[in-house]
């Protein structure tokens, strides 16, 4: 990881654009979208999870306070609370579900031979 980049950008780097774009195309997520892409929505919601933002107003204020960093964080445009509310209401949730399933498969392969430190009889999943 590059120490000059933000932690958020370094974390998002692990999610390949092509993998995300395939999920978007499968469900037509960017169809008839002019400004706020599925990628921007995903980045905003990932930012929300990592920074414990609780309201649309708080998300917008936090992102606008550091607007000079938005491009380096991966955003391609500003995030308005009305736009975020509308996209959260109308975009297909299966885009993120498919992405999550793909990431779970990837992580399982990476850590298949690692010991957990405890033995479990069944598979364990963690959900936020």
C-alpha atoms as a PDB file:
ATOM      1  CA  UNK A   1       0.000   0.000   0.000  1.00  0.00           C
ATOM      2  CA  UNK A   2       1.171   3.455  -0.899  1.00  0.00           C
ATOM      3  CA  UNK A   3       1.617   5.582   2.255  1.00  0.00           C
ATOM      4  CA  UNK A   4       0.969   8.799   0.287  1.00  0.00           C
ATOM      5  CA  UNK A   5      -2.585   7.766  -0.598  1.00  0.00           C
ATOM      6  CA  UNK A   6      -5.542   7.945   1.772  1.00  0.00           C
ATOM      7  CA  UNK A   7      -6.490   4.814   3.686  1.00  0.00           C
ATOM      8  CA  UNK A   8      -9.906   4.862   2.011  1.00  0.00           C
ATOM      9  CA  UNK A   9      -8.373   4.921  -1.482  1.00  0.00           C
ATOM     10  CA  UNK A  10      -6.045   2.068  -0.541  1.00  0.00           C
ATOM     11  CA  UNK A  11      -8.966  -0.041   0.723  1.00  0.00           C
ATOM     12  CA  UNK A  12     -11.104   0.618  -2.343  1.00  0.00           C
ATOM     13  CA  UNK A  13      -8.141  -0.302  -4.544  1.00  0.00           C
ATOM     14  CA  UNK A  14      -8.778  -3.964  -3.597  1.00  0.00           C
ATOM     15  CA  UNK A  15     -12.078  -3.884  -5.480  1.00  0.00           C
ATOM     16  CA  UNK A  16     -11.287  -4.088  -9.168  1.00  0.00           C
ATOM     17  CA  UNK A  17     -13.191  -1.661 -11.364  1.00  0.00           C
ATOM     18  CA  UNK A  18     -13.922  -4.373 -13.929  1.00  0.00           C
ATOM     19  CA  UNK A  19     -15.472  -6.638 -11.297  1.00  0.00           C
ATOM     20  CA  UNK A  20     -17.688  -3.804 -10.073  1.00  0.00           C
ATOM     21  CA  UNK A  21     -18.564  -2.718 -13.621  1.00  0.00           C
ATOM     22  CA  UNK A  22     -19.708  -6.243 -14.530  1.00  0.00           C
ATOM     23  CA  UNK A  23     -22.132  -6.158 -11.595  1.00  0.00           C
ATOM     24  CA  UNK A  24     -23.411  -2.723 -12.674  1.00  0.00           C
ATOM     25  CA  UNK A  25     -23.925  -3.842 -16.272  1.00  0.00           C
ATOM     26  CA  UNK A  26     -25.681  -7.050 -15.210  1.00  0.00           C
ATOM     27  CA  UNK A  27     -28.470  -5.005 -13.588  1.00  0.00           C
ATOM     28  CA  UNK A  28     -28.332  -1.868 -15.765  1.00  0.00           C
ATOM     29  CA  UNK A  29     -27.274   0.302 -12.851  1.00  0.00           C
ATOM     30  CA  UNK A  30     -25.907   3.182 -14.931  1.00  0.00           C
ATOM     31  CA  UNK A  31     -28.682   3.166 -17.508  1.00  0.00           C
ATOM     32  CA  UNK A  32     -30.107   6.688 -17.985  1.00  0.00           C
ATOM     33  CA  UNK A  33     -27.612   8.128 -15.484  1.00  0.00           C
ATOM     34  CA  UNK A  34     -26.051  11.487 -16.295  1.00  0.00           C
ATOM     35  CA  UNK A  35     -23.996  12.469 -13.282  1.00  0.00           C
ATOM     36  CA  UNK A  36     -24.032  10.178 -10.251  1.00  0.00           C
ATOM     37  CA  UNK A  37     -22.735   6.770 -11.319  1.00  0.00           C
ATOM     38  CA  UNK A  38     -23.084   3.502  -9.444  1.00  0.00           C
ATOM     39  CA  UNK A  39     -19.374   3.740  -8.678  1.00  0.00           C
ATOM     40  CA  UNK A  40     -19.884   7.115  -6.973  1.00  0.00           C
ATOM     41  CA  UNK A  41     -22.830   5.733  -5.015  1.00  0.00           C
ATOM     42  CA  UNK A  42     -20.799   2.698  -3.948  1.00  0.00           C
ATOM     43  CA  UNK A  43     -17.851   4.870  -2.880  1.00  0.00           C
ATOM     44  CA  UNK A  44     -20.159   7.139  -0.891  1.00  0.00           C
ATOM     45  CA  UNK A  45     -21.795   4.203   0.900  1.00  0.00           C
ATOM     46  CA  UNK A  46     -18.409   2.563   1.590  1.00  0.00           C
ATOM     47  CA  UNK A  47     -17.218   5.876   3.016  1.00  0.00           C
ATOM     48  CA  UNK A  48     -20.342   6.016   5.189  1.00  0.00           C
ATOM     49  CA  UNK A  49     -19.636   2.552   6.604  1.00  0.00           C
ATOM     50  CA  UNK A  50     -15.976   3.246   7.301  1.00  0.00           C
ATOM     51  CA  UNK A  51     -16.563   6.633   8.936  1.00  0.00           C
ATOM     52  CA  UNK A  52     -19.800   5.859  10.834  1.00  0.00           C
ATOM     53  CA  UNK A  53     -21.881   8.588   9.205  1.00  0.00           C
ATOM     54  CA  UNK A  54     -25.515   8.387  10.269  1.00  0.00           C
ATOM     55  CA  UNK A  55     -27.441  10.841   8.103  1.00  0.00           C
ATOM     56  CA  UNK A  56     -27.470  12.119   4.553  1.00  0.00           C
ATOM     57  CA  UNK A  57     -26.774  15.623   5.813  1.00  0.00           C
ATOM     58  CA  UNK A  58     -23.754  14.357   7.744  1.00  0.00           C
ATOM     59  CA  UNK A  59     -22.450  12.418   4.721  1.00  0.00           C
ATOM     60  CA  UNK A  60     -22.769  15.458   2.471  1.00  0.00           C
ATOM     61  CA  UNK A  61     -21.125  17.803   4.995  1.00  0.00           C
ATOM     62  CA  UNK A  62     -18.233  15.429   5.603  1.00  0.00           C
ATOM     63  CA  UNK A  63     -17.520  14.859   1.904  1.00  0.00           C
ATOM     64  CA  UNK A  64     -17.874  18.549   1.016  1.00  0.00           C
ATOM     65  CA  UNK A  65     -15.544  19.567   3.832  1.00  0.00           C
ATOM     66  CA  UNK A  66     -12.764  17.722   2.011  1.00  0.00           C
ATOM     67  CA  UNK A  67     -13.894  18.329  -1.557  1.00  0.00           C
ATOM     68  CA  UNK A  68     -10.281  18.730  -2.715  1.00  0.00           C
ATOM     69  CA  UNK A  69      -9.711  15.047  -1.846  1.00  0.00           C
ATOM     70  CA  UNK A  70     -12.795  13.616  -3.563  1.00  0.00           C
ATOM     71  CA  UNK A  71     -11.021  12.889  -6.840  1.00  0.00           C
ATOM     72  CA  UNK A  72      -8.140  11.116  -5.106  1.00  0.00           C
ATOM     73  CA  UNK A  73     -10.682   9.091  -3.119  1.00  0.00           C
ATOM     74  CA  UNK A  74     -12.156   7.877  -6.407  1.00  0.00           C
ATOM     75  CA  UNK A  75     -15.218  10.132  -6.663  1.00  0.00           C
ATOM     76  CA  UNK A  76     -15.989  11.710 -10.015  1.00  0.00           C
ATOM     77  CA  UNK A  77     -18.256  14.544  -8.945  1.00  0.00           C
ATOM     78  CA  UNK A  78     -19.830  16.001  -5.843  1.00  0.00           C
ATOM     79  CA  UNK A  79     -22.175  14.090  -3.563  1.00  0.00           C
ATOM     80  CA  UNK A  80     -25.473  15.816  -2.749  1.00  0.00           C
ATOM     81  CA  UNK A  81     -27.805  14.337  -0.170  1.00  0.00           C
ATOM     82  CA  UNK A  82     -30.835  14.549  -2.478  1.00  0.00           C
ATOM     83  CA  UNK A  83     -28.977  12.654  -5.208  1.00  0.00           C
ATOM     84  CA  UNK A  84     -27.710  10.053  -2.759  1.00  0.00           C
ATOM     85  CA  UNK A  85     -31.204   9.580  -1.303  1.00  0.00           C
ATOM     86  CA  UNK A  86     -32.715   9.128  -4.766  1.00  0.00           C
ATOM     87  CA  UNK A  87     -30.068   6.658  -5.936  1.00  0.00           C
ATOM     88  CA  UNK A  88     -30.315   4.644  -2.722  1.00  0.00           C
ATOM     89  CA  UNK A  89     -34.047   4.395  -3.291  1.00  0.00           C
ATOM     90  CA  UNK A  90     -34.016   3.523  -6.992  1.00  0.00           C
ATOM     91  CA  UNK A  91     -30.835   1.587  -7.816  1.00  0.00           C
ATOM     92  CA  UNK A  92     -30.854  -2.179  -7.739  1.00  0.00           C
ATOM     93  CA  UNK A  93     -29.427  -3.524  -4.477  1.00  0.00           C
ATOM     94  CA  UNK A  94     -28.293  -6.693  -6.256  1.00  0.00           C
ATOM     95  CA  UNK A  95     -25.334  -4.779  -7.694  1.00  0.00           C
ATOM     96  CA  UNK A  96     -23.714  -4.585  -4.261  1.00  0.00           C
ATOM     97  CA  UNK A  97     -24.889  -8.086  -3.329  1.00  0.00           C
ATOM     98  CA  UNK A  98     -23.145  -9.553  -6.386  1.00  0.00           C
ATOM     99  CA  UNK A  99     -20.007  -7.555  -5.642  1.00  0.00           C
ATOM    100  CA  UNK A 100     -20.010  -8.816  -2.054  1.00  0.00           C
ATOM    101  CA  UNK A 101     -20.391 -12.423  -3.205  1.00  0.00           C
ATOM    102  CA  UNK A 102     -17.452 -11.993  -5.574  1.00  0.00           C
ATOM    103  CA  UNK A 103     -15.316 -10.524  -2.794  1.00  0.00           C
ATOM    104  CA  UNK A 104     -16.221 -13.383  -0.442  1.00  0.00           C
ATOM    105  CA  UNK A 105     -15.077 -15.906  -3.053  1.00  0.00           C
ATOM    106  CA  UNK A 106     -11.838 -13.971  -3.545  1.00  0.00           C
ATOM    107  CA  UNK A 107     -11.114 -13.810   0.190  1.00  0.00           C
ATOM    108  CA  UNK A 108     -11.912 -17.484   0.700  1.00  0.00           C
ATOM    109  CA  UNK A 109      -9.302 -18.389  -1.919  1.00  0.00           C
ATOM    110  CA  UNK A 110      -6.713 -16.091  -0.333  1.00  0.00           C
ATOM    111  CA  UNK A 111      -7.172 -17.496   3.168  1.00  0.00           C
ATOM    112  CA  UNK A 112      -8.110 -21.112   2.389  1.00  0.00           C
ATOM    113  CA  UNK A 113      -4.993 -22.524   4.049  1.00  0.00           C
ATOM    114  CA  UNK A 114      -4.860 -20.134   7.014  1.00  0.00           C
ATOM    115  CA  UNK A 115      -5.761 -21.304  10.498  1.00  0.00           C
ATOM    116  CA  UNK A 116      -8.448 -19.282  12.249  1.00  0.00           C
ATOM    117  CA  UNK A 117      -7.122 -19.900  15.714  1.00  0.00           C
ATOM    118  CA  UNK A 118     -10.229 -21.880  16.637  1.00  0.00           C
ATOM    119  CA  UNK A 119     -11.946 -24.850  15.120  1.00  0.00           C
ATOM    120  CA  UNK A 120     -15.523 -24.463  13.951  1.00  0.00           C
ATOM    121  CA  UNK A 121     -17.806 -27.183  12.644  1.00  0.00           C
ATOM    122  CA  UNK A 122     -19.848 -24.855  10.415  1.00  0.00           C
ATOM    123  CA  UNK A 123     -19.101 -21.904   8.145  1.00  0.00           C
ATOM    124  CA  UNK A 124     -19.270 -18.518   9.866  1.00  0.00           C
ATOM    125  CA  UNK A 125     -20.299 -15.315   8.083  1.00  0.00           C
ATOM    126  CA  UNK A 126     -19.975 -11.749   9.379  1.00  0.00           C
ATOM    127  CA  UNK A 127     -22.517  -9.187   8.257  1.00  0.00           C
ATOM    128  CA  UNK A 128     -22.497  -5.480   8.970  1.00  0.00           C
END
